[in-house]
C-alpha atoms as a PDB file:
ATOM      1  CA  UNK A   1      -9.542 -25.582 -17.427  1.00  0.00           C
ATOM      2  CA  UNK A   2      -6.093 -25.900 -15.879  1.00  0.00           C
ATOM      3  CA  UNK A   3      -4.809 -23.455 -13.277  1.00  0.00           C
ATOM      4  CA  UNK A   4      -2.107 -22.312 -15.724  1.00  0.00           C
ATOM      5  CA  UNK A   5      -4.675 -21.541 -18.422  1.00  0.00           C
ATOM      6  CA  UNK A   6      -6.984 -19.800 -15.963  1.00  0.00           C
ATOM      7  CA  UNK A   7      -4.151 -17.587 -14.637  1.00  0.00           C
ATOM      8  CA  UNK A   8      -3.004 -16.759 -18.175  1.00  0.00           C
ATOM      9  CA  UNK A   9      -6.414 -15.297 -19.022  1.00  0.00           C
ATOM     10  CA  UNK A  10      -6.355 -12.591 -16.347  1.00  0.00           C
ATOM     11  CA  UNK A  11      -5.495  -8.944 -16.847  1.00  0.00           C
ATOM     12  CA  UNK A  12      -4.371  -6.321 -14.356  1.00  0.00           C
ATOM     13  CA  UNK A  13      -5.455  -2.694 -14.643  1.00  0.00           C
ATOM     14  CA  UNK A  14      -6.066   0.395 -12.569  1.00  0.00           C
ATOM     15  CA  UNK A  15      -9.332   0.483 -10.608  1.00  0.00           C
ATOM     16  CA  UNK A  16     -11.869   2.844 -12.185  1.00  0.00           C
ATOM     17  CA  UNK A  17     -14.999   4.504 -10.761  1.00  0.00           C
ATOM     18  CA  UNK A  18     -17.414   2.155 -12.634  1.00  0.00           C
ATOM     19  CA  UNK A  19     -15.693  -0.822 -10.939  1.00  0.00           C
ATOM     20  CA  UNK A  20     -16.788   0.203  -7.447  1.00  0.00           C
ATOM     21  CA  UNK A  21     -20.111  -1.716  -7.309  1.00  0.00           C
ATOM     22  CA  UNK A  22     -18.419  -4.974  -8.372  1.00  0.00           C
ATOM     23  CA  UNK A  23     -15.464  -4.448  -6.031  1.00  0.00           C
ATOM     24  CA  UNK A  24     -17.813  -3.566  -3.168  1.00  0.00           C
ATOM     25  CA  UNK A  25     -19.879  -6.711  -3.767  1.00  0.00           C
ATOM     26  CA  UNK A  26     -16.758  -8.880  -3.835  1.00  0.00           C
ATOM     27  CA  UNK A  27     -15.456  -7.159  -0.696  1.00  0.00           C
ATOM     28  CA  UNK A  28     -18.703  -8.000   1.101  1.00  0.00           C
ATOM     29  CA  UNK A  29     -18.619 -11.606  -0.148  1.00  0.00           C
ATOM     30  CA  UNK A  30     -15.031 -12.126   1.037  1.00  0.00           C
ATOM     31  CA  UNK A  31     -14.854 -10.011   4.190  1.00  0.00           C
ATOM     32  CA  UNK A  32     -18.464 -10.043   5.433  1.00  0.00           C
ATOM     33  CA  UNK A  33     -18.959  -7.623   8.328  1.00  0.00           C
ATOM     34  CA  UNK A  34     -15.347  -6.389   7.882  1.00  0.00           C
ATOM     35  CA  UNK A  35     -16.105  -5.216   4.321  1.00  0.00           C
ATOM     36  CA  UNK A  36     -15.724  -1.564   3.408  1.00  0.00           C
ATOM     37  CA  UNK A  37     -18.859   0.489   2.817  1.00  0.00           C
ATOM     38  CA  UNK A  38     -19.600   2.042  -0.574  1.00  0.00           C
ATOM     39  CA  UNK A  39     -18.662   5.408   0.924  1.00  0.00           C
ATOM     40  CA  UNK A  40     -15.290   4.007   2.039  1.00  0.00           C
ATOM     41  CA  UNK A  41     -14.584   2.750  -1.479  1.00  0.00           C
ATOM     42  CA  UNK A  42     -15.432   6.148  -2.953  1.00  0.00           C
ATOM     43  CA  UNK A  43     -13.126   7.831  -0.431  1.00  0.00           C
ATOM     44  CA  UNK A  44     -10.317   5.409  -1.221  1.00  0.00           C
ATOM     45  CA  UNK A  45     -10.531   6.059  -4.937  1.00  0.00           C
ATOM     46  CA  UNK A  46     -10.734   9.805  -4.329  1.00  0.00           C
ATOM     47  CA  UNK A  47      -7.410   9.507  -2.483  1.00  0.00           C
ATOM     48  CA  UNK A  48      -5.470   9.159  -5.734  1.00  0.00           C
ATOM     49  CA  UNK A  49      -2.651   9.562  -6.623  1.00  0.00           C
ATOM     50  CA  UNK A  50      -1.452   8.632  -3.144  1.00  0.00           C
ATOM     51  CA  UNK A  51      -3.857   5.674  -2.997  1.00  0.00           C
ATOM     52  CA  UNK A  52      -3.313   3.255  -5.879  1.00  0.00           C
ATOM     53  CA  UNK A  53      -5.725   0.437  -6.638  1.00  0.00           C
ATOM     54  CA  UNK A  54      -5.465  -2.430  -9.096  1.00  0.00           C
ATOM     55  CA  UNK A  55      -8.162  -4.846 -10.263  1.00  0.00           C
ATOM     56  CA  UNK A  56      -7.686  -8.257 -11.817  1.00  0.00           C
ATOM     57  CA  UNK A  57     -10.175  -9.176 -14.530  1.00  0.00           C
ATOM     58  CA  UNK A  58     -11.009 -12.401 -16.331  1.00  0.00           C
ATOM     59  CA  UNK A  59     -13.480 -12.263 -19.230  1.00  0.00           C
ATOM     60  CA  UNK A  60     -14.255  -8.641 -18.228  1.00  0.00           C
ATOM     61  CA  UNK A  61     -15.246  -9.765 -14.713  1.00  0.00           C
ATOM     62  CA  UNK A  62     -13.364  -8.550 -11.650  1.00  0.00           C
ATOM     63  CA  UNK A  63     -11.762 -11.512  -9.863  1.00  0.00           C
ATOM     64  CA  UNK A  64      -9.403  -9.656  -7.546  1.00  0.00           C
ATOM     65  CA  UNK A  65      -8.274  -6.267  -6.328  1.00  0.00           C
ATOM     66  CA  UNK A  66      -5.696  -4.623  -4.143  1.00  0.00           C
ATOM     67  CA  UNK A  67      -4.613  -1.201  -3.030  1.00  0.00           C
ATOM     68  CA  UNK A  68      -1.627   0.535  -1.514  1.00  0.00           C
ATOM     69  CA  UNK A  69      -1.229   3.902   0.191  1.00  0.00           C
ATOM     70  CA  UNK A  70       2.064   5.465  -0.902  1.00  0.00           C
ATOM     71  CA  UNK A  71       2.622   8.123   1.737  1.00  0.00           C
ATOM     72  CA  UNK A  72       6.369   8.474   2.000  1.00  0.00           C
ATOM     73  CA  UNK A  73       9.079   6.170   3.281  1.00  0.00           C
ATOM     74  CA  UNK A  74       6.523   3.649   4.547  1.00  0.00           C
ATOM     75  CA  UNK A  75       3.657   2.523   2.323  1.00  0.00           C
ATOM     76  CA  UNK A  76       0.622   0.545   3.519  1.00  0.00           C
ATOM     77  CA  UNK A  77      -1.280  -2.255   1.812  1.00  0.00           C
ATOM     78  CA  UNK A  78      -4.868  -1.099   2.256  1.00  0.00           C
ATOM     79  CA  UNK A  79      -6.583  -4.251   0.986  1.00  0.00           C
ATOM     80  CA  UNK A  80      -5.996  -7.281  -1.164  1.00  0.00           C
ATOM     81  CA  UNK A  81      -8.570  -9.895  -2.172  1.00  0.00           C
ATOM     82  CA  UNK A  82      -9.119 -12.642  -4.711  1.00  0.00           C
ATOM     83  CA  UNK A  83     -12.429 -14.248  -5.659  1.00  0.00           C
ATOM     84  CA  UNK A  84     -12.691 -17.496  -3.650  1.00  0.00           C
ATOM     85  CA  UNK A  85     -13.093 -19.476  -6.899  1.00  0.00           C
ATOM     86  CA  UNK A  86      -9.710 -18.115  -8.065  1.00  0.00           C
ATOM     87  CA  UNK A  87      -7.748 -18.479  -4.837  1.00  0.00           C
ATOM     88  CA  UNK A  88      -4.766 -20.795  -4.783  1.00  0.00           C
ATOM     89  CA  UNK A  89      -3.658 -19.989  -8.337  1.00  0.00           C
ATOM     90  CA  UNK A  90      -1.130 -17.217  -7.695  1.00  0.00           C
ATOM     91  CA  UNK A  91      -3.356 -14.165  -8.166  1.00  0.00           C
ATOM     92  CA  UNK A  92      -2.847 -12.952  -4.598  1.00  0.00           C
ATOM     93  CA  UNK A  93       0.910 -13.232  -5.037  1.00  0.00           C
ATOM     94  CA  UNK A  94       0.782 -11.347  -8.335  1.00  0.00           C
ATOM     95  CA  UNK A  95      -1.401  -8.619  -6.810  1.00  0.00           C
ATOM     96  CA  UNK A  96       0.992  -8.278  -3.884  1.00  0.00           C
ATOM     97  CA  UNK A  97       3.921  -8.018  -6.324  1.00  0.00           C
ATOM     98  CA  UNK A  98       2.148  -5.164  -8.139  1.00  0.00           C
ATOM     99  CA  UNK A  99       1.412  -3.337  -4.891  1.00  0.00           C
ATOM    100  CA  UNK A 100       5.025  -3.807  -3.798  1.00  0.00           C
ATOM    101  CA  UNK A 101       6.238  -2.396  -7.117  1.00  0.00           C
ATOM    102  CA  UNK A 102       3.892   0.609  -6.720  1.00  0.00           C
ATOM    103  CA  UNK A 103       5.237   1.252  -3.225  1.00  0.00           C
ATOM    104  CA  UNK A 104       8.842   0.881  -4.327  1.00  0.00           C
ATOM    105  CA  UNK A 105       8.216   3.142  -7.340  1.00  0.00           C
ATOM    106  CA  UNK A 106       6.821   5.836  -5.048  1.00  0.00           C
ATOM    107  CA  UNK A 107      10.075   5.880  -3.084  1.00  0.00           C
ATOM    108  CA  UNK A 108       8.874   3.809  -0.128  1.00  0.00           C
ATOM    109  CA  UNK A 109      11.511   1.870   1.762  1.00  0.00           C
ATOM    110  CA  UNK A 110       9.081  -0.317   3.722  1.00  0.00           C
ATOM    111  CA  UNK A 111       5.631  -1.778   3.243  1.00  0.00           C
ATOM    112  CA  UNK A 112       3.203  -2.440   6.111  1.00  0.00           C
ATOM    113  CA  UNK A 113      -0.026  -4.405   6.253  1.00  0.00           C
ATOM    114  CA  UNK A 114      -2.370  -5.940   8.762  1.00  0.00           C
ATOM    115  CA  UNK A 115      -4.006  -9.323   8.430  1.00  0.00           C
ATOM    116  CA  UNK A 116      -6.436 -11.313  10.528  1.00  0.00           C
ATOM    117  CA  UNK A 117      -4.603 -13.789  12.748  1.00  0.00           C
ATOM    118  CA  UNK A 118      -7.030 -16.506  11.597  1.00  0.00           C
ATOM    119  CA  UNK A 119      -6.318 -15.921   7.870  1.00  0.00           C
ATOM    120  CA  UNK A 120      -3.531 -18.470   7.527  1.00  0.00           C
ATOM    121  CA  UNK A 121      -3.378 -18.480   3.686  1.00  0.00           C
ATOM    122  CA  UNK A 122      -2.883 -14.689   3.616  1.00  0.00           C
ATOM    123  CA  UNK A 123      -0.344 -14.725   6.455  1.00  0.00           C
ATOM    124  CA  UNK A 124       1.629 -17.434   4.634  1.00  0.00           C
ATOM    125  CA  UNK A 125       1.518 -15.436   1.396  1.00  0.00           C
ATOM    126  CA  UNK A 126       2.971 -12.416   3.162  1.00  0.00           C
ATOM    127  CA  UNK A 127       5.645 -14.442   4.951  1.00  0.00           C
ATOM    128  CA  UNK A 128       6.733 -16.045   1.654  1.00  0.00           C
ATOM    129  CA  UNK A 129       6.908 -12.541   0.120  1.00  0.00           C
ATOM    130  CA  UNK A 130       9.382 -11.371   2.766  1.00  0.00           C
ATOM    131  CA  UNK A 131       7.108  -9.783   5.356  1.00  0.00           C
ATOM    132  CA  UNK A 132       7.757 -10.295   9.053  1.00  0.00           C
ATOM    133  CA  UNK A 133       5.274 -10.164  11.908  1.00  0.00           C
ATOM    134  CA  UNK A 134       6.158  -7.100  13.987  1.00  0.00           C
ATOM    135  CA  UNK A 135       3.188  -6.575  16.297  1.00  0.00           C
ATOM    136  CA  UNK A 136      -0.237  -7.918  17.264  1.00  0.00           C
ATOM    137  CA  UNK A 137      -3.341  -5.821  17.885  1.00  0.00           C
ATOM    138  CA  UNK A 138      -5.418  -7.886  20.284  1.00  0.00           C
ATOM    139  CA  UNK A 139      -9.118  -8.377  19.515  1.00  0.00           C
ATOM    140  CA  UNK A 140      -8.895  -5.889  16.639  1.00  0.00           C
ATOM    141  CA  UNK A 141     -11.481  -7.447  14.332  1.00  0.00           C
ATOM    142  CA  UNK A 142     -14.969  -7.137  15.785  1.00  0.00           C
ATOM    143  CA  UNK A 143     -17.411  -8.588  16.629  1.00  0.00           C
ATOM    144  CA  UNK A 144     -15.483 -11.870  16.675  1.00  0.00           C
ATOM    145  CA  UNK A 145     -12.464 -10.479  18.610  1.00  0.00           C
ATOM    146  CA  UNK A 146      -9.803 -11.772  16.234  1.00  0.00           C
ATOM    147  CA  UNK A 147      -6.285 -10.376  16.546  1.00  0.00           C
ATOM    148  CA  UNK A 148      -4.667  -8.380  13.751  1.00  0.00           C
ATOM    149  CA  UNK A 149      -1.077  -9.199  12.842  1.00  0.00           C
ATOM    150  CA  UNK A 150       0.907  -6.176  11.711  1.00  0.00           C
ATOM    151  CA  UNK A 151       3.513  -7.213   9.150  1.00  0.00           C
ATOM    152  CA  UNK A 152       6.380  -5.300   7.554  1.00  0.00           C
ATOM    153  CA  UNK A 153       8.632  -5.805   4.543  1.00  0.00           C
ATOM    154  CA  UNK A 154      11.856  -3.938   3.889  1.00  0.00           C
ATOM    155  CA  UNK A 155      11.568  -2.996   0.202  1.00  0.00           C
ATOM    156  CA  UNK A 156      15.327  -2.614  -0.107  1.00  0.00           C
ATOM    157  CA  UNK A 157      15.723  -6.315   0.727  1.00  0.00           C
ATOM    158  CA  UNK A 158      12.795  -8.137  -0.922  1.00  0.00           C
ATOM    159  CA  UNK A 159      12.407  -8.525  -4.664  1.00  0.00           C
ATOM    160  CA  UNK A 160       9.468  -9.174  -6.960  1.00  0.00           C
ATOM    161  CA  UNK A 161      11.087 -12.244  -8.521  1.00  0.00           C
END
């Protein structure tokens, strides 16, 4: 199946309570010891409407998810992930566009996120989307002591085109 066909078969929708086991399992697969606990996922979803989460499905299977905290003039990307088998086909970009639109729609003027310094594909995605590296938190991700890059996008400047 071509990448274009595979991307065309995905759907985006709001995260629902029954999705939490699948999202939690994917989070653990992708992020390992940095994954959120089941309790953290429940707390995140309970934080609505301020916390807004989207899932990407293909054939009724979750293949990606992302969330944004819309708390005023500055919103925060809480998480974004795509199934490793689906990476490299634009789903991360499309998820980020949806989170950016949510933030902008809430009245936010800026969007912040943090990303592991060793996650080059994600950092490049954010740079291409108009984010800039504004600060580094040294040895933030434990136990492997990887830095976190704090990135910011001015929502009045970037577009979702």
